[in-house]
């Protein structure tokens, strides 16, 4: 039997959603305090192919298609072809505390890569990698079992039938453009799927959300 990675997230069947509720049409979680315009911090599970912006995009859905709250904006970004946790706020100081590089908030990603990840490749991922325009900092990278709790992606991931894949958990304290994908490619493991599961003290384990769902949490963890 395959075991899910420890301390990442429980099976979705065990996730509970009280005290907020789920709207059937948009599967959005709304707390009563958010309805009262008290919005210290919003956690959102961004689906695949959604642009991490509220302004309209000509071909892709955006945050505005999932979150109808005025005045909030994302603290940091997540590429359209990546999934997972995004933090949003209407507080400029809080946004700075979350996203500024000097704060070094750790971010954890689970990554499906093409190929069988070996010990030498994992060692290279943990060490600084020269990507041409910058050199990465040391990070944590481990191989994990396929996460049984993870939702299906729509559309599904495509890979070569005869090519094995591996799952990694990578934790960074920086966040350059497409950094994780560039790191795995540099060690010969192209990324097939990338899901951010944690930012600082918040994770999809402690605050489980399905794709497209959001909830409000206290912001004092960043103050």
Foldseek 3Di string as FASTA:
>chain_A
DFDADPPAADAPVPDDDPPWDADVPQRATEDPVVVVVPFAKKKAWAAAQEFQFCDDDPPTHYVVSQDDHPQKHWLDGDDNRATEIIMIGNDPVLSCLQRPLVNLWKWKKKFKWWADDDPVLQVQLQPWDCLPVDTFHGWHKDWGTPHPRDDAHVVHFDDDPPIDMTMMMIMGSHDDDVVVQSSCVVSPIGTRYMYIADTHPDGCRVVPDDHSYMYGDDSPSSD
